[in-house]
Amino acid sequence: MVGKTFNRYIWLLNILLQKKKLTFEEIRDLWKDSHLDDGKPLSLRTFHEHKKALEETFCVHIKCNPSDGYHYYIEDAQVLRNDRTRQWLQNSFTLSNMIIAGHNMNGRILFENIPRGTEYLQPVIEAMQQNKVLIMDYEPFGAHQKTYHMEPYAMKVYRQRWYIIGKLEEQNAIRHIALDRIIDLHLTDKSFTVPKKFNAEKYYANTIGIFVNEELKPQKVRIRVYGNQVDYLRTLPLHRSQEEVLTKNGQFSEFQYKVCLTPELSTQLLSLGESVEVLEPKELRGEMKKRINNMFNLYK
């Protein structure tokens, strides 16, 4: 029942985001055509209850403009779109709504597979909420099983894997742990305090991927991109610092970044194939050439 009610909130949110502004009568008519009505019309009272719950859940403000025919609209829609956590929540329940609506969608909506580790999401989030240290049995690739104690500061999903980021007591440093490599995990009674200076967004601000080397300083990286890959990068930037600094007669474009030179950066650039050339810095250009030569030797 709770899930169905929440799906109604998401439906109302999406309708207001899509249509920009609607009267109650227009919302009621759209409700009638949806799969959520259960044969019952949307009452004004129910609408206001859903509106209030939606505002509290997503921290948005739904306003009504009497001078414009009593149209309802989301006052701060862009704030919602910029909040990745709320966007992820909205997207997840939107998809849930659509699957419930179309019982014949099985096998027609395909997801990226997260191999394992999602069973630990709930206890990890609980540990973050309660500021409790986690104890876990962990088996990294190519190494024996180890037992770690971690203060979980944040979480991140990257390339089909969930990671915990926090202070690893055994190393007295901030590290990341992949949930799919955890064998067992429990909350302890030991409490911790997240350092005031730690901010997950800032921690990853100058890097691509999950690995952070705090000794590295961000550098200017410039790449030249050819063909359709230009449009892909315009619509899905490689990094938040991306700037398109040069466009040459539709032949190519050059993009500039401010990032740390990590192995993941090279891997991401290599994944773009022959449509991308690293122009600077020389250090990164040399690393790319070295890895390309190593690849070439495999195919000799």
C-alpha atoms as a PDB file:
ATOM      1  CA  MET A   1       0.000   0.000   0.000  1.00  0.00           C
ATOM      2  CA  VAL A   2       2.833   2.362   0.925  1.00  0.00           C
ATOM      3  CA  GLY A   3       4.655   1.570  -2.319  1.00  0.00           C
ATOM      4  CA  LYS A   4       1.535   2.239  -4.372  1.00  0.00           C
ATOM      5  CA  THR A   5       0.956   5.567  -2.602  1.00  0.00           C
ATOM      6  CA  PHE A   6       4.566   6.561  -3.206  1.00  0.00           C
ATOM      7  CA  ASN A   7       4.179   5.699  -6.883  1.00  0.00           C
ATOM      8  CA  ARG A   8       1.285   8.176  -6.998  1.00  0.00           C
ATOM      9  CA  TYR A   9       3.569  10.884  -5.612  1.00  0.00           C
ATOM     10  CA  ILE A  10       6.112  10.119  -8.334  1.00  0.00           C
ATOM     11  CA  TRP A  11       3.413  10.213 -10.996  1.00  0.00           C
ATOM     12  CA  LEU A  12       2.328  13.687  -9.821  1.00  0.00           C
ATOM     13  CA  LEU A  13       5.936  14.891  -9.758  1.00  0.00           C
ATOM     14  CA  ASN A  14       6.602  13.685 -13.298  1.00  0.00           C
ATOM     15  CA  ILE A  15       3.379  15.171 -14.652  1.00  0.00           C
ATOM     16  CA  LEU A  16       4.237  18.606 -13.246  1.00  0.00           C
ATOM     17  CA  LEU A  17       7.822  18.385 -14.506  1.00  0.00           C
ATOM     18  CA  GLN A  18       6.629  17.329 -17.955  1.00  0.00           C
ATOM     19  CA  LYS A  19       3.708  19.712 -18.430  1.00  0.00           C
ATOM     20  CA  LYS A  20       5.303  22.661 -16.553  1.00  0.00           C
ATOM     21  CA  LYS A  21       1.946  23.927 -15.245  1.00  0.00           C
ATOM     22  CA  LEU A  22      -1.512  22.380 -14.851  1.00  0.00           C
ATOM     23  CA  THR A  23      -4.847  23.176 -13.270  1.00  0.00           C
ATOM     24  CA  PHE A  24      -6.338  20.708 -10.806  1.00  0.00           C
ATOM     25  CA  GLU A  25      -8.944  19.770 -13.418  1.00  0.00           C
ATOM     26  CA  GLU A  26      -6.202  18.937 -15.938  1.00  0.00           C
ATOM     27  CA  ILE A  27      -4.342  16.874 -13.342  1.00  0.00           C
ATOM     28  CA  ARG A  28      -7.570  15.046 -12.485  1.00  0.00           C
ATOM     29  CA  ASP A  29      -8.187  14.187 -16.157  1.00  0.00           C
ATOM     30  CA  LEU A  30      -4.632  12.880 -16.584  1.00  0.00           C
ATOM     31  CA  TRP A  31      -5.057  10.847 -13.386  1.00  0.00           C
ATOM     32  CA  LYS A  32      -8.176   9.257 -14.869  1.00  0.00           C
ATOM     33  CA  ASP A  33      -6.197   8.086 -17.885  1.00  0.00           C
ATOM     34  CA  SER A  34      -3.373   6.626 -15.768  1.00  0.00           C
ATOM     35  CA  HIS A  35      -3.130   3.156 -14.229  1.00  0.00           C
ATOM     36  CA  LEU A  36      -3.204   4.597 -10.701  1.00  0.00           C
ATOM     37  CA  ASP A  37      -6.809   5.713 -10.443  1.00  0.00           C
ATOM     38  CA  ASP A  38      -8.307   2.297  -9.523  1.00  0.00           C
ATOM     39  CA  GLY A  39     -11.570   3.525 -11.015  1.00  0.00           C
ATOM     40  CA  LYS A  40     -11.740   6.374  -8.496  1.00  0.00           C
ATOM     41  CA  PRO A  41     -11.473  10.038  -9.501  1.00  0.00           C
ATOM     42  CA  LEU A  42      -8.779  12.169  -7.898  1.00  0.00           C
ATOM     43  CA  SER A  43     -10.362  14.308  -5.184  1.00  0.00           C
ATOM     44  CA  LEU A  44      -9.079  17.770  -4.315  1.00  0.00           C
ATOM     45  CA  ARG A  45      -8.327  16.572  -0.793  1.00  0.00           C
ATOM     46  CA  THR A  46      -6.257  13.614  -2.031  1.00  0.00           C
ATOM     47  CA  PHE A  47      -4.428  15.897  -4.459  1.00  0.00           C
ATOM     48  CA  HIS A  48      -3.395  18.266  -1.649  1.00  0.00           C
ATOM     49  CA  GLU A  49      -2.316  15.321   0.522  1.00  0.00           C
ATOM     50  CA  HIS A  50      -0.132  14.012  -2.320  1.00  0.00           C
ATOM     51  CA  LYS A  51       1.180  17.517  -3.006  1.00  0.00           C
ATOM     52  CA  LYS A  52       2.217  17.970   0.638  1.00  0.00           C
ATOM     53  CA  ALA A  53       3.892  14.537   0.795  1.00  0.00           C
ATOM     54  CA  LEU A  54       5.711  15.233  -2.456  1.00  0.00           C
ATOM     55  CA  GLU A  55       7.058  18.538  -1.124  1.00  0.00           C
ATOM     56  CA  GLU A  56       8.298  16.859   2.055  1.00  0.00           C
ATOM     57  CA  THR A  57       9.869  13.881   0.273  1.00  0.00           C
ATOM     58  CA  PHE A  58      11.649  15.725  -2.533  1.00  0.00           C
ATOM     59  CA  CYS A  59      12.069  19.147  -0.898  1.00  0.00           C
ATOM     60  CA  VAL A  60      10.309  20.889  -3.793  1.00  0.00           C
ATOM     61  CA  HIS A  61       7.762  23.700  -3.657  1.00  0.00           C
ATOM     62  CA  ILE A  62       4.557  23.266  -5.650  1.00  0.00           C
ATOM     63  CA  LYS A  63       2.931  26.652  -6.122  1.00  0.00           C
ATOM     64  CA  CYS A  64      -0.451  27.748  -7.441  1.00  0.00           C
ATOM     65  CA  ASN A  65      -0.843  30.901  -9.519  1.00  0.00           C
ATOM     66  CA  PRO A  66      -4.402  32.320  -9.100  1.00  0.00           C
ATOM     67  CA  SER A  67      -3.772  35.066 -11.651  1.00  0.00           C
ATOM     68  CA  ASP A  68      -3.049  32.447 -14.327  1.00  0.00           C
ATOM     69  CA  GLY A  69      -6.140  30.294 -14.005  1.00  0.00           C
ATOM     70  CA  TYR A  70      -5.022  28.530 -10.824  1.00  0.00           C
ATOM     71  CA  HIS A  71      -2.240  26.591 -12.469  1.00  0.00           C
ATOM     72  CA  TYR A  72       0.024  24.427 -10.293  1.00  0.00           C
ATOM     73  CA  TYR A  73       3.758  24.322 -11.016  1.00  0.00           C
ATOM     74  CA  ILE A  74       7.064  23.301  -9.409  1.00  0.00           C
ATOM     75  CA  GLU A  75       8.847  26.454  -8.344  1.00  0.00           C
ATOM     76  CA  ASP A  76      12.362  25.005  -8.108  1.00  0.00           C
ATOM     77  CA  ALA A  77      12.378  22.282 -10.772  1.00  0.00           C
ATOM     78  CA  GLN A  78      16.019  22.929 -11.726  1.00  0.00           C
ATOM     79  CA  VAL A  79      17.168  22.334  -8.152  1.00  0.00           C
ATOM     80  CA  LEU A  80      15.553  18.901  -8.303  1.00  0.00           C
ATOM     81  CA  ARG A  81      17.190  18.132 -11.644  1.00  0.00           C
ATOM     82  CA  ASN A  82      20.616  19.065 -10.218  1.00  0.00           C
ATOM     83  CA  ASP A  83      20.254  16.829  -7.149  1.00  0.00           C
ATOM     84  CA  ARG A  84      21.531  13.417  -8.227  1.00  0.00           C
ATOM     85  CA  THR A  85      20.190  11.564  -5.190  1.00  0.00           C
ATOM     86  CA  ARG A  86      16.642  12.827  -5.676  1.00  0.00           C
ATOM     87  CA  GLN A  87      16.926  12.282  -9.421  1.00  0.00           C
ATOM     88  CA  TRP A  88      17.963   8.658  -8.881  1.00  0.00           C
ATOM     89  CA  LEU A  89      15.029   8.140  -6.506  1.00  0.00           C
ATOM     90  CA  GLN A  90      12.633   9.737  -8.977  1.00  0.00           C
ATOM     91  CA  ASN A  91      13.946   7.673 -11.892  1.00  0.00           C
ATOM     92  CA  SER A  92      13.749   4.413  -9.923  1.00  0.00           C
ATOM     93  CA  PHE A  93      10.118   4.889  -8.932  1.00  0.00           C
ATOM     94  CA  THR A  94       9.166   6.230 -12.361  1.00  0.00           C
ATOM     95  CA  LEU A  95      10.425   3.002 -13.920  1.00  0.00           C
ATOM     96  CA  SER A  96       8.611   1.012 -11.241  1.00  0.00           C
ATOM     97  CA  ASN A  97       5.397   2.834 -12.162  1.00  0.00           C
ATOM     98  CA  MET A  98       5.770   2.007 -15.831  1.00  0.00           C
ATOM     99  CA  ILE A  99       6.520  -1.670 -15.186  1.00  0.00           C
ATOM    100  CA  ILE A 100       3.456  -1.956 -12.937  1.00  0.00           C
ATOM    101  CA  ALA A 101       1.353  -0.213 -15.593  1.00  0.00           C
ATOM    102  CA  GLY A 102       2.459  -2.558 -18.361  1.00  0.00           C
ATOM    103  CA  HIS A 103       2.463  -6.143 -17.198  1.00  0.00           C
ATOM    104  CA  ASN A 104       3.759  -7.177 -20.619  1.00  0.00           C
ATOM    105  CA  MET A 105       7.063  -5.291 -20.156  1.00  0.00           C
ATOM    106  CA  ASN A 106       8.953  -8.343 -18.939  1.00  0.00           C
ATOM    107  CA  GLY A 107      12.015  -8.812 -21.134  1.00  0.00           C
ATOM    108  CA  ARG A 108      11.492  -5.472 -22.882  1.00  0.00           C
ATOM    109  CA  ILE A 109      13.108  -3.151 -20.333  1.00  0.00           C
ATOM    110  CA  LEU A 110      16.751  -4.089 -19.825  1.00  0.00           C
ATOM    111  CA  PHE A 111      18.917  -2.992 -16.904  1.00  0.00           C
ATOM    112  CA  GLU A 112      22.645  -2.892 -16.355  1.00  0.00           C
ATOM    113  CA  ASN A 113      23.500  -5.843 -14.179  1.00  0.00           C
ATOM    114  CA  ILE A 114      25.065  -5.142 -10.776  1.00  0.00           C
ATOM    115  CA  PRO A 115      26.562  -8.604 -10.119  1.00  0.00           C
ATOM    116  CA  ARG A 116      26.174  -8.710  -6.327  1.00  0.00           C
ATOM    117  CA  GLY A 117      26.553  -6.640  -3.177  1.00  0.00           C
ATOM    118  CA  THR A 118      23.158  -4.916  -3.216  1.00  0.00           C
ATOM    119  CA  GLU A 119      22.114  -7.046  -0.227  1.00  0.00           C
ATOM    120  CA  TYR A 120      24.520  -4.923   1.848  1.00  0.00           C
ATOM    121  CA  LEU A 121      23.027  -1.567   0.837  1.00  0.00           C
ATOM    122  CA  GLN A 122      20.592  -1.426   3.749  1.00  0.00           C
ATOM    123  CA  PRO A 123      23.082  -2.162   6.569  1.00  0.00           C
ATOM    124  CA  VAL A 124      25.649   0.207   5.058  1.00  0.00           C
ATOM    125  CA  ILE A 125      23.111   3.041   4.870  1.00  0.00           C
ATOM    126  CA  GLU A 126      22.014   2.267   8.435  1.00  0.00           C
ATOM    127  CA  ALA A 127      25.646   2.475   9.569  1.00  0.00           C
ATOM    128  CA  MET A 128      25.958   5.845   7.813  1.00  0.00           C
ATOM    129  CA  GLN A 129      22.761   7.117   9.434  1.00  0.00           C
ATOM    130  CA  GLN A 130      23.773   5.946  12.912  1.00  0.00           C
ATOM    131  CA  ASN A 131      27.502   6.724  12.506  1.00  0.00           C
ATOM    132  CA  LYS A 132      28.459   3.173  13.449  1.00  0.00           C
ATOM    133  CA  VAL A 133      31.676   1.438  12.436  1.00  0.00           C
ATOM    134  CA  LEU A 134      31.299  -1.513  10.068  1.00  0.00           C
ATOM    135  CA  ILE A 135      33.195  -4.772  10.415  1.00  0.00           C
ATOM    136  CA  MET A 136      33.492  -6.775   7.221  1.00  0.00           C
ATOM    137  CA  ASP A 137      35.161  -9.792   5.727  1.00  0.00           C
ATOM    138  CA  TYR A 138      36.534  -8.641   2.400  1.00  0.00           C
ATOM    139  CA  GLU A 139      38.150 -10.517  -0.467  1.00  0.00           C
ATOM    140  CA  PRO A 140      39.890  -8.175  -2.943  1.00  0.00           C
ATOM    141  CA  PHE A 141      40.815  -9.440  -6.388  1.00  0.00           C
ATOM    142  CA  GLY A 142      44.083 -11.363  -6.378  1.00  0.00           C
ATOM    143  CA  ALA A 143      44.430 -11.409  -2.576  1.00  0.00           C
ATOM    144  CA  HIS A 144      43.367 -13.413   0.448  1.00  0.00           C
ATOM    145  CA  GLN A 145      40.291 -12.618   2.543  1.00  0.00           C
ATOM    146  CA  LYS A 146      40.804  -9.877   5.117  1.00  0.00           C
ATOM    147  CA  THR A 147      38.805  -8.393   7.978  1.00  0.00           C
ATOM    148  CA  TYR A 148      38.379  -4.623   7.949  1.00  0.00           C
ATOM    149  CA  HIS A 149      36.819  -2.014  10.225  1.00  0.00           C
ATOM    150  CA  MET A 150      35.476   0.992   8.343  1.00  0.00           C
ATOM    151  CA  GLU A 151      33.845   4.300   9.189  1.00  0.00           C
ATOM    152  CA  PRO A 152      31.421   4.694   6.250  1.00  0.00           C
ATOM    153  CA  TYR A 153      31.332   8.326   5.076  1.00  0.00           C
ATOM    154  CA  ALA A 154      29.631   7.994   1.678  1.00  0.00           C
ATOM    155  CA  MET A 155      28.577   5.634  -1.099  1.00  0.00           C
ATOM    156  CA  LYS A 156      29.034   5.706  -4.842  1.00  0.00           C
ATOM    157  CA  VAL A 157      27.937   3.540  -7.754  1.00  0.00           C
ATOM    158  CA  TYR A 158      30.428   3.325 -10.605  1.00  0.00           C
ATOM    159  CA  ARG A 159      30.555   0.999 -13.590  1.00  0.00           C
ATOM    160  CA  GLN A 160      27.965  -1.445 -12.253  1.00  0.00           C
ATOM    161  CA  ARG A 161      29.467  -1.627  -8.757  1.00  0.00           C
ATOM    162  CA  TRP A 162      28.514  -0.068  -5.426  1.00  0.00           C
ATOM    163  CA  TYR A 163      31.345   1.291  -3.275  1.00  0.00           C
ATOM    164  CA  ILE A 164      31.626   2.491   0.328  1.00  0.00           C
ATOM    165  CA  ILE A 165      34.010   5.388   0.909  1.00  0.00           C
ATOM    166  CA  GLY A 166      35.313   5.971   4.407  1.00  0.00           C
ATOM    167  CA  LYS A 167      38.149   5.650   6.891  1.00  0.00           C
ATOM    168  CA  LEU A 168      39.668   2.188   6.943  1.00  0.00           C
ATOM    169  CA  GLU A 169      40.947   1.756  10.496  1.00  0.00           C
ATOM    170  CA  GLU A 170      43.559  -0.851   9.514  1.00  0.00           C
ATOM    171  CA  GLN A 171      45.212   1.677   7.175  1.00  0.00           C
ATOM    172  CA  ASN A 172      44.211   4.868   9.023  1.00  0.00           C
ATOM    173  CA  ALA A 173      43.235   6.431   5.689  1.00  0.00           C
ATOM    174  CA  ILE A 174      40.225   7.048   3.468  1.00  0.00           C
ATOM    175  CA  ARG A 175      39.679   4.135   1.119  1.00  0.00           C
ATOM    176  CA  HIS A 176      36.921   2.615  -1.005  1.00  0.00           C
ATOM    177  CA  ILE A 177      35.435  -0.861  -0.640  1.00  0.00           C
ATOM    178  CA  ALA A 178      33.483  -2.648  -3.372  1.00  0.00           C
ATOM    179  CA  LEU A 179      30.278  -4.169  -2.028  1.00  0.00           C
ATOM    180  CA  ASP A 180      30.470  -7.117  -4.422  1.00  0.00           C
ATOM    181  CA  ARG A 181      33.764  -8.245  -2.813  1.00  0.00           C
ATOM    182  CA  ILE A 182      32.306  -8.321   0.703  1.00  0.00           C
ATOM    183  CA  ILE A 183      31.814 -11.816   2.144  1.00  0.00           C
ATOM    184  CA  ASP A 184      30.086 -10.730   5.351  1.00  0.00           C
ATOM    185  CA  LEU A 185      29.266  -7.412   7.035  1.00  0.00           C
ATOM    186  CA  HIS A 186      27.916  -6.225  10.386  1.00  0.00           C
ATOM    187  CA  LEU A 187      27.397  -3.008  12.307  1.00  0.00           C
ATOM    188  CA  THR A 188      29.399  -2.629  15.505  1.00  0.00           C
ATOM    189  CA  ASP A 189      28.533  -0.633  18.634  1.00  0.00           C
ATOM    190  CA  LYS A 190      31.476   1.668  18.041  1.00  0.00           C
ATOM    191  CA  SER A 191      30.492   5.192  16.996  1.00  0.00           C
ATOM    192  CA  PHE A 192      32.412   7.652  14.845  1.00  0.00           C
ATOM    193  CA  THR A 193      32.090  11.222  13.634  1.00  0.00           C
ATOM    194  CA  VAL A 194      32.355  12.161   9.982  1.00  0.00           C
ATOM    195  CA  PRO A 195      35.108  14.805   9.699  1.00  0.00           C
ATOM    196  CA  LYS A 196      33.690  18.246   9.013  1.00  0.00           C
ATOM    197  CA  LYS A 197      36.198  18.733   6.205  1.00  0.00           C
ATOM    198  CA  PHE A 198      35.030  15.609   4.349  1.00  0.00           C
ATOM    199  CA  ASN A 199      32.674  16.210   1.444  1.00  0.00           C
ATOM    200  CA  ALA A 200      32.045  13.367  -0.995  1.00  0.00           C
ATOM    201  CA  GLU A 201      31.439  15.699  -3.966  1.00  0.00           C
ATOM    202  CA  LYS A 202      34.685  17.574  -3.278  1.00  0.00           C
ATOM    203  CA  TYR A 203      36.576  14.342  -2.612  1.00  0.00           C
ATOM    204  CA  TYR A 204      35.806  13.162  -6.158  1.00  0.00           C
ATOM    205  CA  ALA A 205      35.757  16.604  -7.776  1.00  0.00           C
ATOM    206  CA  ASN A 206      39.089  16.263  -9.594  1.00  0.00           C
ATOM    207  CA  THR A 207      39.102  12.592 -10.494  1.00  0.00           C
ATOM    208  CA  ILE A 208      37.410  10.219 -12.918  1.00  0.00           C
ATOM    209  CA  GLY A 209      36.299   6.908 -11.498  1.00  0.00           C
ATOM    210  CA  ILE A 210      36.519   5.570  -7.960  1.00  0.00           C
ATOM    211  CA  PHE A 211      40.248   5.773  -7.218  1.00  0.00           C
ATOM    212  CA  VAL A 212      41.472   8.945  -5.495  1.00  0.00           C
ATOM    213  CA  ASN A 213      45.157   9.719  -4.890  1.00  0.00           C
ATOM    214  CA  GLU A 214      45.184  12.683  -2.526  1.00  0.00           C
ATOM    215  CA  GLU A 215      48.830  13.394  -3.376  1.00  0.00           C
ATOM    216  CA  LEU A 216      47.974  14.146  -7.009  1.00  0.00           C
ATOM    217  CA  LYS A 217      47.081  17.667  -8.110  1.00  0.00           C
ATOM    218  CA  PRO A 218      44.597  18.304 -10.943  1.00  0.00           C
ATOM    219  CA  GLN A 219      46.139  19.219 -14.290  1.00  0.00           C
ATOM    220  CA  LYS A 220      44.854  20.701 -17.508  1.00  0.00           C
ATOM    221  CA  VAL A 221      43.985  17.932 -19.974  1.00  0.00           C
ATOM    222  CA  ARG A 222      43.141  18.725 -23.590  1.00  0.00           C
ATOM    223  CA  ILE A 223      41.821  16.244 -26.124  1.00  0.00           C
ATOM    224  CA  ARG A 224      40.842  16.450 -29.798  1.00  0.00           C
ATOM    225  CA  VAL A 225      37.700  14.581 -30.768  1.00  0.00           C
ATOM    226  CA  TYR A 226      36.497  13.599 -34.243  1.00  0.00           C
ATOM    227  CA  GLY A 227      33.196  12.544 -35.810  1.00  0.00           C
ATOM    228  CA  ASN A 228      30.057  11.597 -33.913  1.00  0.00           C
ATOM    229  CA  GLN A 229      32.040  11.215 -30.702  1.00  0.00           C
ATOM    230  CA  VAL A 230      31.883  15.019 -30.399  1.00  0.00           C
ATOM    231  CA  ASP A 231      28.118  14.946 -29.907  1.00  0.00           C
ATOM    232  CA  TYR A 232      28.397  12.085 -27.419  1.00  0.00           C
ATOM    233  CA  LEU A 233      30.800  14.095 -25.272  1.00  0.00           C
ATOM    234  CA  ARG A 234      28.669  17.222 -25.543  1.00  0.00           C
ATOM    235  CA  THR A 235      25.643  15.383 -24.200  1.00  0.00           C
ATOM    236  CA  LEU A 236      27.482  13.122 -21.735  1.00  0.00           C
ATOM    237  CA  PRO A 237      30.627  14.920 -20.508  1.00  0.00           C
ATOM    238  CA  LEU A 238      33.636  12.880 -19.481  1.00  0.00           C
ATOM    239  CA  HIS A 239      33.969  15.038 -16.349  1.00  0.00           C
ATOM    240  CA  ARG A 240      32.138  17.943 -14.728  1.00  0.00           C
ATOM    241  CA  SER A 241      35.017  20.322 -15.628  1.00  0.00           C
ATOM    242  CA  GLN A 242      34.599  19.689 -19.369  1.00  0.00           C
ATOM    243  CA  GLU A 243      34.808  22.741 -21.652  1.00  0.00           C
ATOM    244  CA  GLU A 244      34.593  22.779 -25.432  1.00  0.00           C
ATOM    245  CA  VAL A 245      37.390  25.200 -26.274  1.00  0.00           C
ATOM    246  CA  LEU A 246      37.666  24.820 -30.056  1.00  0.00           C
ATOM    247  CA  THR A 247      35.465  23.714 -32.963  1.00  0.00           C
ATOM    248  CA  LYS A 248      37.020  23.385 -36.426  1.00  0.00           C
ATOM    249  CA  ASN A 249      34.593  23.477 -39.377  1.00  0.00           C
ATOM    250  CA  GLY A 250      32.737  20.399 -38.242  1.00  0.00           C
ATOM    251  CA  GLN A 251      35.963  18.362 -38.607  1.00  0.00           C
ATOM    252  CA  PHE A 252      36.781  18.079 -34.917  1.00  0.00           C
ATOM    253  CA  SER A 253      36.357  19.725 -31.541  1.00  0.00           C
ATOM    254  CA  GLU A 254      38.762  20.122 -28.662  1.00  0.00           C
ATOM    255  CA  PHE A 255      37.699  19.622 -25.053  1.00  0.00           C
ATOM    256  CA  GLN A 256      39.540  20.716 -21.947  1.00  0.00           C
ATOM    257  CA  TYR A 257      39.417  19.322 -18.398  1.00  0.00           C
ATOM    258  CA  LYS A 258      40.949  19.891 -14.999  1.00  0.00           C
ATOM    259  CA  VAL A 259      41.526  16.441 -13.533  1.00  0.00           C
ATOM    260  CA  CYS A 260      44.117  14.262 -11.810  1.00  0.00           C
ATOM    261  CA  LEU A 261      46.094  11.901 -14.026  1.00  0.00           C
ATOM    262  CA  THR A 262      44.888   8.514 -12.808  1.00  0.00           C
ATOM    263  CA  PRO A 263      44.867   5.117 -14.572  1.00  0.00           C
ATOM    264  CA  GLU A 264      41.068   5.357 -14.848  1.00  0.00           C
ATOM    265  CA  LEU A 265      41.387   8.575 -16.868  1.00  0.00           C
ATOM    266  CA  SER A 266      43.585   6.779 -19.413  1.00  0.00           C
ATOM    267  CA  THR A 267      41.176   3.839 -19.506  1.00  0.00           C
ATOM    268  CA  GLN A 268      38.193   6.115 -20.137  1.00  0.00           C
ATOM    269  CA  LEU A 269      40.013   7.922 -22.947  1.00  0.00           C
ATOM    270  CA  LEU A 270      41.057   4.619 -24.527  1.00  0.00           C
ATOM    271  CA  SER A 271      37.440   3.466 -24.426  1.00  0.00           C
ATOM    272  CA  LEU A 272      36.564   6.319 -26.796  1.00  0.00           C
ATOM    273  CA  GLY A 273      38.644   4.605 -29.471  1.00  0.00           C
ATOM    274  CA  GLU A 274      40.327   6.117 -32.513  1.00  0.00           C
ATOM    275  CA  SER A 275      38.088   9.202 -32.433  1.00  0.00           C
ATOM    276  CA  VAL A 276      40.074  10.807 -29.607  1.00  0.00           C
ATOM    277  CA  GLU A 277      43.619  12.136 -29.424  1.00  0.00           C
ATOM    278  CA  VAL A 278      45.241  13.448 -26.238  1.00  0.00           C
ATOM    279  CA  LEU A 279      47.010  16.748 -26.949  1.00  0.00           C
ATOM    280  CA  GLU A 280      48.279  17.613 -23.470  1.00  0.00           C
ATOM    281  CA  PRO A 281      49.847  17.161 -21.013  1.00  0.00           C
ATOM    282  CA  LYS A 282      52.833  15.297 -22.463  1.00  0.00           C
ATOM    283  CA  GLU A 283      52.817  12.907 -19.526  1.00  0.00           C
ATOM    284  CA  LEU A 284      49.311  11.696 -20.331  1.00  0.00           C
ATOM    285  CA  ARG A 285      49.973  11.630 -24.079  1.00  0.00           C
ATOM    286  CA  GLY A 286      53.024   9.425 -23.420  1.00  0.00           C
ATOM    287  CA  GLU A 287      51.006   7.113 -21.162  1.00  0.00           C
ATOM    288  CA  MET A 288      48.324   6.759 -23.853  1.00  0.00           C
ATOM    289  CA  LYS A 289      50.955   5.955 -26.487  1.00  0.00           C
ATOM    290  CA  LYS A 290      52.502   3.330 -24.204  1.00  0.00           C
ATOM    291  CA  ARG A 291      49.173   1.605 -23.542  1.00  0.00           C
ATOM    292  CA  ILE A 292      48.200   1.720 -27.234  1.00  0.00           C
ATOM    293  CA  ASN A 293      51.544   0.101 -28.166  1.00  0.00           C
ATOM    294  CA  ASN A 294      50.960  -2.599 -25.556  1.00  0.00           C
ATOM    295  CA  MET A 295      47.546  -3.256 -27.072  1.00  0.00           C
ATOM    296  CA  PHE A 296      49.044  -3.328 -30.565  1.00  0.00           C
ATOM    297  CA  ASN A 297      51.624  -5.933 -29.489  1.00  0.00           C
ATOM    298  CA  LEU A 298      48.808  -8.213 -28.332  1.00  0.00           C
ATOM    299  CA  TYR A 299      47.406  -8.257 -31.873  1.00  0.00           C
ATOM    300  CA  LYS A 300      50.674  -8.740 -33.771  1.00  0.00           C
END
